[in-house]
Amino acid sequence: MRLFWRQGYAATSIAELTAAMGINPPSLYGAFGDKERLFLEAVERYQRSADAAAEQILAEAPTARAAIENLLRSVAEQFTCPDQPSGCMVVTAVMNCPDAEGHLKEVMARIRAASAGRILNRIRDAIATGELPADTDADALGAFFDTVLQGMTIQARDGASRASLCAIAACAMRAWPDRRAASAKPTEDRP
């Protein structure tokens, strides 16, 4: 998993995989069938952990704003953890795959869409409960924060520090709609 995470699918060779796992190629093929199946199992393992952490953060926060902010801060920490490759495996692992592996890109896109869906659902809940204004564009706001998360991955891969990613998170949170401002109606000028 860490090898695919660090190097990506296309750049990781069977020789590197078997060396990292301490097995020979026939054992790899016997256990997983091929490199692609091993990759998909590695992604599944990665995603189980990432999904559990994100779901817990989004569910436990008292407000949607706190949930999104906690998620951004958490990924800033995770993406810069010195004990693992930087960034998010699901965002980066197939970026440079040739078109022949296009179906892997589709798999990863579905996983990213599910993650974005969790953010969107938390925002929709906030609209339904009145935490956010009724006219909030949930789709756009959800896509914005998902884009920030994916951008933080690229920044982390390029060597951004935890402090830098936290600063990005703080800037992103300034885009959170203010319920009071949205509910205040402008007064009309009277002649």
C-alpha atoms as a PDB file:
ATOM      1  CA  MET A   1       0.000   0.000   0.000  1.00  0.00           C
ATOM      2  CA  ARG A   2       2.727   2.482   0.968  1.00  0.00           C
ATOM      3  CA  LEU A   3       4.660   1.786  -2.221  1.00  0.00           C
ATOM      4  CA  PHE A   4       1.622   2.505  -4.420  1.00  0.00           C
ATOM      5  CA  TRP A   5       0.819   5.513  -2.236  1.00  0.00           C
ATOM      6  CA  ARG A   6       4.331   6.948  -2.532  1.00  0.00           C
ATOM      7  CA  GLN A   7       5.010   6.159  -6.224  1.00  0.00           C
ATOM      8  CA  GLY A   8       1.592   5.739  -7.798  1.00  0.00           C
ATOM      9  CA  TYR A   9       0.255   2.763  -9.698  1.00  0.00           C
ATOM     10  CA  ALA A  10       2.073   3.189 -13.016  1.00  0.00           C
ATOM     11  CA  ALA A  11       5.497   3.885 -11.510  1.00  0.00           C
ATOM     12  CA  THR A  12       5.446   0.885  -9.165  1.00  0.00           C
ATOM     13  CA  SER A  13       6.970  -2.261 -10.646  1.00  0.00           C
ATOM     14  CA  ILE A  14       6.272  -5.892  -9.823  1.00  0.00           C
ATOM     15  CA  ALA A  15       9.910  -6.208  -8.723  1.00  0.00           C
ATOM     16  CA  GLU A  16       9.472  -3.368  -6.239  1.00  0.00           C
ATOM     17  CA  LEU A  17       6.217  -4.838  -4.955  1.00  0.00           C
ATOM     18  CA  THR A  18       7.632  -8.330  -4.450  1.00  0.00           C
ATOM     19  CA  ALA A  19      10.735  -6.910  -2.750  1.00  0.00           C
ATOM     20  CA  ALA A  20       8.596  -4.782  -0.405  1.00  0.00           C
ATOM     21  CA  MET A  21       6.363  -7.757   0.416  1.00  0.00           C
ATOM     22  CA  GLY A  22       9.213 -10.226   0.735  1.00  0.00           C
ATOM     23  CA  ILE A  23       7.734 -12.636  -1.810  1.00  0.00           C
ATOM     24  CA  ASN A  24       8.532 -13.776  -5.342  1.00  0.00           C
ATOM     25  CA  PRO A  25       6.482 -12.874  -8.432  1.00  0.00           C
ATOM     26  CA  PRO A  26       4.679 -16.251  -8.665  1.00  0.00           C
ATOM     27  CA  SER A  27       3.506 -15.791  -5.067  1.00  0.00           C
ATOM     28  CA  LEU A  28       2.214 -12.306  -5.843  1.00  0.00           C
ATOM     29  CA  TYR A  29       0.329 -13.584  -8.878  1.00  0.00           C
ATOM     30  CA  GLY A  30      -0.970 -16.567  -6.917  1.00  0.00           C
ATOM     31  CA  ALA A  31      -2.255 -14.382  -4.087  1.00  0.00           C
ATOM     32  CA  PHE A  32      -3.583 -11.416  -6.046  1.00  0.00           C
ATOM     33  CA  GLY A  33      -3.803 -12.429  -9.710  1.00  0.00           C
ATOM     34  CA  ASP A  34      -2.035  -9.331 -10.985  1.00  0.00           C
ATOM     35  CA  LYS A  35      -0.691  -5.910 -10.088  1.00  0.00           C
ATOM     36  CA  GLU A  36      -4.063  -4.249 -10.615  1.00  0.00           C
ATOM     37  CA  ARG A  37      -5.861  -6.536  -8.168  1.00  0.00           C
ATOM     38  CA  LEU A  38      -3.121  -5.942  -5.577  1.00  0.00           C
ATOM     39  CA  PHE A  39      -3.455  -2.197  -6.145  1.00  0.00           C
ATOM     40  CA  LEU A  40      -7.229  -2.284  -5.695  1.00  0.00           C
ATOM     41  CA  GLU A  41      -6.849  -4.253  -2.462  1.00  0.00           C
ATOM     42  CA  ALA A  42      -4.260  -1.742  -1.240  1.00  0.00           C
ATOM     43  CA  VAL A  43      -6.634   1.126  -2.073  1.00  0.00           C
ATOM     44  CA  GLU A  44      -9.446  -0.642  -0.237  1.00  0.00           C
ATOM     45  CA  ARG A  45      -7.264  -1.008   2.851  1.00  0.00           C
ATOM     46  CA  TYR A  46      -6.227   2.645   2.692  1.00  0.00           C
ATOM     47  CA  GLN A  47      -9.774   3.825   2.136  1.00  0.00           C
ATOM     48  CA  ARG A  48     -11.262   1.826   5.016  1.00  0.00           C
ATOM     49  CA  SER A  49      -9.038   3.727   7.414  1.00  0.00           C
ATOM     50  CA  ALA A  50      -9.525   7.118   5.725  1.00  0.00           C
ATOM     51  CA  ASP A  51     -13.309   6.682   5.514  1.00  0.00           C
ATOM     52  CA  ALA A  52     -13.606   5.679   9.159  1.00  0.00           C
ATOM     53  CA  ALA A  53     -11.618   8.722  10.278  1.00  0.00           C
ATOM     54  CA  ALA A  54     -13.578  11.139   8.065  1.00  0.00           C
ATOM     55  CA  GLU A  55     -16.950   9.694   9.060  1.00  0.00           C
ATOM     56  CA  GLN A  56     -16.083   9.994  12.735  1.00  0.00           C
ATOM     57  CA  ILE A  57     -14.936  13.609  12.355  1.00  0.00           C
ATOM     58  CA  LEU A  58     -18.030  14.589  10.359  1.00  0.00           C
ATOM     59  CA  ALA A  59     -20.421  12.818  12.725  1.00  0.00           C
ATOM     60  CA  GLU A  60     -18.970  13.915  16.064  1.00  0.00           C
ATOM     61  CA  ALA A  61     -18.656  17.663  15.500  1.00  0.00           C
ATOM     62  CA  PRO A  62     -21.525  19.682  16.966  1.00  0.00           C
ATOM     63  CA  THR A  63     -21.918  21.802  13.801  1.00  0.00           C
ATOM     64  CA  ALA A  64     -21.249  21.324  10.116  1.00  0.00           C
ATOM     65  CA  ARG A  65     -18.789  24.207  10.221  1.00  0.00           C
ATOM     66  CA  ALA A  66     -16.837  22.537  13.018  1.00  0.00           C
ATOM     67  CA  ALA A  67     -17.020  19.222  11.162  1.00  0.00           C
ATOM     68  CA  ILE A  68     -15.524  20.635   7.967  1.00  0.00           C
ATOM     69  CA  GLU A  69     -12.902  22.627   9.851  1.00  0.00           C
ATOM     70  CA  ASN A  70     -11.926  19.565  11.913  1.00  0.00           C
ATOM     71  CA  LEU A  71     -11.717  17.499   8.727  1.00  0.00           C
ATOM     72  CA  LEU A  72      -9.414  20.022   7.059  1.00  0.00           C
ATOM     73  CA  ARG A  73      -7.161  20.207  10.117  1.00  0.00           C
ATOM     74  CA  SER A  74      -7.105  16.424  10.415  1.00  0.00           C
ATOM     75  CA  VAL A  75      -6.019  15.929   6.819  1.00  0.00           C
ATOM     76  CA  ALA A  76      -3.354  18.618   7.251  1.00  0.00           C
ATOM     77  CA  GLU A  77      -1.947  16.434  10.020  1.00  0.00           C
ATOM     78  CA  GLN A  78      -2.397  13.155   8.143  1.00  0.00           C
ATOM     79  CA  PHE A  79      -0.991  14.445   4.851  1.00  0.00           C
ATOM     80  CA  THR A  80       2.213  15.579   6.556  1.00  0.00           C
ATOM     81  CA  CYS A  81       2.707  12.652   8.937  1.00  0.00           C
ATOM     82  CA  PRO A  82       6.401  11.687   8.754  1.00  0.00           C
ATOM     83  CA  ASP A  83       5.563   7.981   9.197  1.00  0.00           C
ATOM     84  CA  GLN A  84       3.725   7.690   5.886  1.00  0.00           C
ATOM     85  CA  PRO A  85       3.780   9.005   2.313  1.00  0.00           C
ATOM     86  CA  SER A  86       2.465  12.546   1.962  1.00  0.00           C
ATOM     87  CA  GLY A  87      -0.967  13.411   0.662  1.00  0.00           C
ATOM     88  CA  CYS A  88      -3.906  11.150  -0.122  1.00  0.00           C
ATOM     89  CA  MET A  89      -3.359   7.887  -1.977  1.00  0.00           C
ATOM     90  CA  VAL A  90      -6.788   8.059  -3.624  1.00  0.00           C
ATOM     91  CA  VAL A  91      -6.039  11.470  -5.118  1.00  0.00           C
ATOM     92  CA  THR A  92      -2.507  10.794  -6.375  1.00  0.00           C
ATOM     93  CA  ALA A  93      -2.039   7.084  -7.066  1.00  0.00           C
ATOM     94  CA  VAL A  94      -3.383   7.044 -10.635  1.00  0.00           C
ATOM     95  CA  MET A  95      -2.743  10.615 -11.739  1.00  0.00           C
ATOM     96  CA  ASN A  96      -0.118   9.558 -14.267  1.00  0.00           C
ATOM     97  CA  CYS A  97      -1.687   6.331 -15.459  1.00  0.00           C
ATOM     98  CA  PRO A  98      -1.834   5.780 -19.207  1.00  0.00           C
ATOM     99  CA  ASP A  99      -5.241   5.625 -20.857  1.00  0.00           C
ATOM    100  CA  ALA A 100      -5.004   1.809 -20.797  1.00  0.00           C
ATOM    101  CA  GLU A 101      -5.616   2.003 -17.053  1.00  0.00           C
ATOM    102  CA  GLY A 102      -8.521   4.422 -17.474  1.00  0.00           C
ATOM    103  CA  HIS A 103     -10.800   2.091 -15.568  1.00  0.00           C
ATOM    104  CA  LEU A 104      -8.547   2.559 -12.504  1.00  0.00           C
ATOM    105  CA  LYS A 105      -9.070   6.299 -12.822  1.00  0.00           C
ATOM    106  CA  GLU A 106     -12.815   5.643 -12.836  1.00  0.00           C
ATOM    107  CA  VAL A 107     -12.566   3.528  -9.680  1.00  0.00           C
ATOM    108  CA  MET A 108     -10.597   6.245  -7.916  1.00  0.00           C
ATOM    109  CA  ALA A 109     -13.039   8.919  -9.135  1.00  0.00           C
ATOM    110  CA  ARG A 110     -15.926   6.935  -7.607  1.00  0.00           C
ATOM    111  CA  ILE A 111     -14.084   6.705  -4.291  1.00  0.00           C
ATOM    112  CA  ARG A 112     -13.401  10.454  -4.337  1.00  0.00           C
ATOM    113  CA  ALA A 113     -17.051  11.120  -5.212  1.00  0.00           C
ATOM    114  CA  ALA A 114     -18.168   9.090  -2.194  1.00  0.00           C
ATOM    115  CA  SER A 115     -15.861  11.146   0.021  1.00  0.00           C
ATOM    116  CA  ALA A 116     -17.202  14.365  -1.474  1.00  0.00           C
ATOM    117  CA  GLY A 117     -20.712  13.034  -0.862  1.00  0.00           C
ATOM    118  CA  ARG A 118     -20.052  12.814   2.876  1.00  0.00           C
ATOM    119  CA  ILE A 119     -19.101  16.490   2.943  1.00  0.00           C
ATOM    120  CA  LEU A 120     -22.134  17.410   0.839  1.00  0.00           C
ATOM    121  CA  ASN A 121     -24.466  15.479   3.125  1.00  0.00           C
ATOM    122  CA  ARG A 122     -23.127  17.300   6.198  1.00  0.00           C
ATOM    123  CA  ILE A 123     -23.703  20.627   4.445  1.00  0.00           C
ATOM    124  CA  ARG A 124     -27.228  19.636   3.394  1.00  0.00           C
ATOM    125  CA  ASP A 125     -27.986  18.649   6.984  1.00  0.00           C
ATOM    126  CA  ALA A 126     -26.761  22.076   8.102  1.00  0.00           C
ATOM    127  CA  ILE A 127     -29.140  23.745   5.652  1.00  0.00           C
ATOM    128  CA  ALA A 128     -32.035  21.577   6.823  1.00  0.00           C
ATOM    129  CA  THR A 129     -31.415  22.435  10.485  1.00  0.00           C
ATOM    130  CA  GLY A 130     -30.967  26.152   9.836  1.00  0.00           C
ATOM    131  CA  GLU A 131     -27.253  26.227  10.634  1.00  0.00           C
ATOM    132  CA  LEU A 132     -26.698  27.442   7.079  1.00  0.00           C
ATOM    133  CA  PRO A 133     -29.002  29.765   5.133  1.00  0.00           C
ATOM    134  CA  ALA A 134     -31.713  28.027   3.113  1.00  0.00           C
ATOM    135  CA  ASP A 135     -30.363  29.543  -0.104  1.00  0.00           C
ATOM    136  CA  THR A 136     -26.862  28.071   0.384  1.00  0.00           C
ATOM    137  CA  ASP A 137     -25.665  26.300  -2.757  1.00  0.00           C
ATOM    138  CA  ALA A 138     -24.843  22.986  -1.074  1.00  0.00           C
ATOM    139  CA  ASP A 139     -23.352  21.466  -4.222  1.00  0.00           C
ATOM    140  CA  ALA A 140     -20.983  24.376  -4.808  1.00  0.00           C
ATOM    141  CA  LEU A 141     -19.973  24.635  -1.148  1.00  0.00           C
ATOM    142  CA  GLY A 142     -19.369  20.880  -0.936  1.00  0.00           C
ATOM    143  CA  ALA A 143     -17.347  20.908  -4.160  1.00  0.00           C
ATOM    144  CA  PHE A 144     -15.333  23.862  -2.870  1.00  0.00           C
ATOM    145  CA  PHE A 145     -14.284  22.078   0.316  1.00  0.00           C
ATOM    146  CA  ASP A 146     -13.614  18.833  -1.568  1.00  0.00           C
ATOM    147  CA  THR A 147     -11.393  20.798  -3.963  1.00  0.00           C
ATOM    148  CA  VAL A 148      -9.538  22.325  -1.022  1.00  0.00           C
ATOM    149  CA  LEU A 149      -8.925  18.835   0.382  1.00  0.00           C
ATOM    150  CA  GLN A 150      -7.604  17.563  -2.938  1.00  0.00           C
ATOM    151  CA  GLY A 151      -5.452  20.655  -3.351  1.00  0.00           C
ATOM    152  CA  MET A 152      -4.009  20.097   0.112  1.00  0.00           C
ATOM    153  CA  THR A 153      -2.890  16.667  -1.111  1.00  0.00           C
ATOM    154  CA  ILE A 154      -0.957  18.210  -3.983  1.00  0.00           C
ATOM    155  CA  GLN A 155       0.539  20.810  -1.660  1.00  0.00           C
ATOM    156  CA  ALA A 156       1.621  18.055   0.753  1.00  0.00           C
ATOM    157  CA  ARG A 157       3.186  16.069  -2.098  1.00  0.00           C
ATOM    158  CA  ASP A 158       5.130  19.187  -3.028  1.00  0.00           C
ATOM    159  CA  GLY A 159       6.506  19.417   0.515  1.00  0.00           C
ATOM    160  CA  ALA A 160       4.115  21.844   2.208  1.00  0.00           C
ATOM    161  CA  SER A 161       4.406  21.864   5.985  1.00  0.00           C
ATOM    162  CA  ARG A 162       1.607  21.062   8.397  1.00  0.00           C
ATOM    163  CA  ALA A 163       1.509  24.748   9.375  1.00  0.00           C
ATOM    164  CA  SER A 164       1.076  25.725   5.724  1.00  0.00           C
ATOM    165  CA  LEU A 165      -1.771  23.239   5.237  1.00  0.00           C
ATOM    166  CA  CYS A 166      -3.440  24.466   8.434  1.00  0.00           C
ATOM    167  CA  ALA A 167      -3.195  28.027   7.089  1.00  0.00           C
ATOM    168  CA  ILE A 168      -4.900  26.867   3.882  1.00  0.00           C
ATOM    169  CA  ALA A 169      -7.632  25.258   5.994  1.00  0.00           C
ATOM    170  CA  ALA A 170      -8.110  28.494   7.938  1.00  0.00           C
ATOM    171  CA  CYS A 171      -8.403  30.480   4.695  1.00  0.00           C
ATOM    172  CA  ALA A 172     -10.905  27.998   3.307  1.00  0.00           C
ATOM    173  CA  MET A 173     -13.065  28.300   6.407  1.00  0.00           C
ATOM    174  CA  ARG A 174     -13.449  32.027   5.738  1.00  0.00           C
ATOM    175  CA  ALA A 175     -15.637  30.971   2.796  1.00  0.00           C
ATOM    176  CA  TRP A 176     -18.157  29.352   5.158  1.00  0.00           C
ATOM    177  CA  PRO A 177     -21.492  31.171   4.746  1.00  0.00           C
ATOM    178  CA  ASP A 178     -22.517  33.384   7.638  1.00  0.00           C
ATOM    179  CA  ARG A 179     -26.131  32.621   8.485  1.00  0.00           C
ATOM    180  CA  ARG A 180     -26.675  36.026  10.059  1.00  0.00           C
ATOM    181  CA  ALA A 181     -25.384  37.959   7.049  1.00  0.00           C
ATOM    182  CA  ALA A 182     -27.446  35.886   4.634  1.00  0.00           C
ATOM    183  CA  SER A 183     -30.612  36.288   6.690  1.00  0.00           C
ATOM    184  CA  ALA A 184     -30.255  40.055   6.999  1.00  0.00           C
ATOM    185  CA  LYS A 185     -32.372  41.713   4.340  1.00  0.00           C
ATOM    186  CA  PRO A 186     -31.145  44.907   2.744  1.00  0.00           C
ATOM    187  CA  THR A 187     -33.313  47.919   3.349  1.00  0.00           C
ATOM    188  CA  GLU A 188     -34.702  49.700   0.339  1.00  0.00           C
ATOM    189  CA  ASP A 189     -33.921  53.334  -0.168  1.00  0.00           C
ATOM    190  CA  ARG A 190     -37.043  55.408   0.224  1.00  0.00           C
ATOM    191  CA  PRO A 191     -37.555  58.544  -1.832  1.00  0.00           C
END
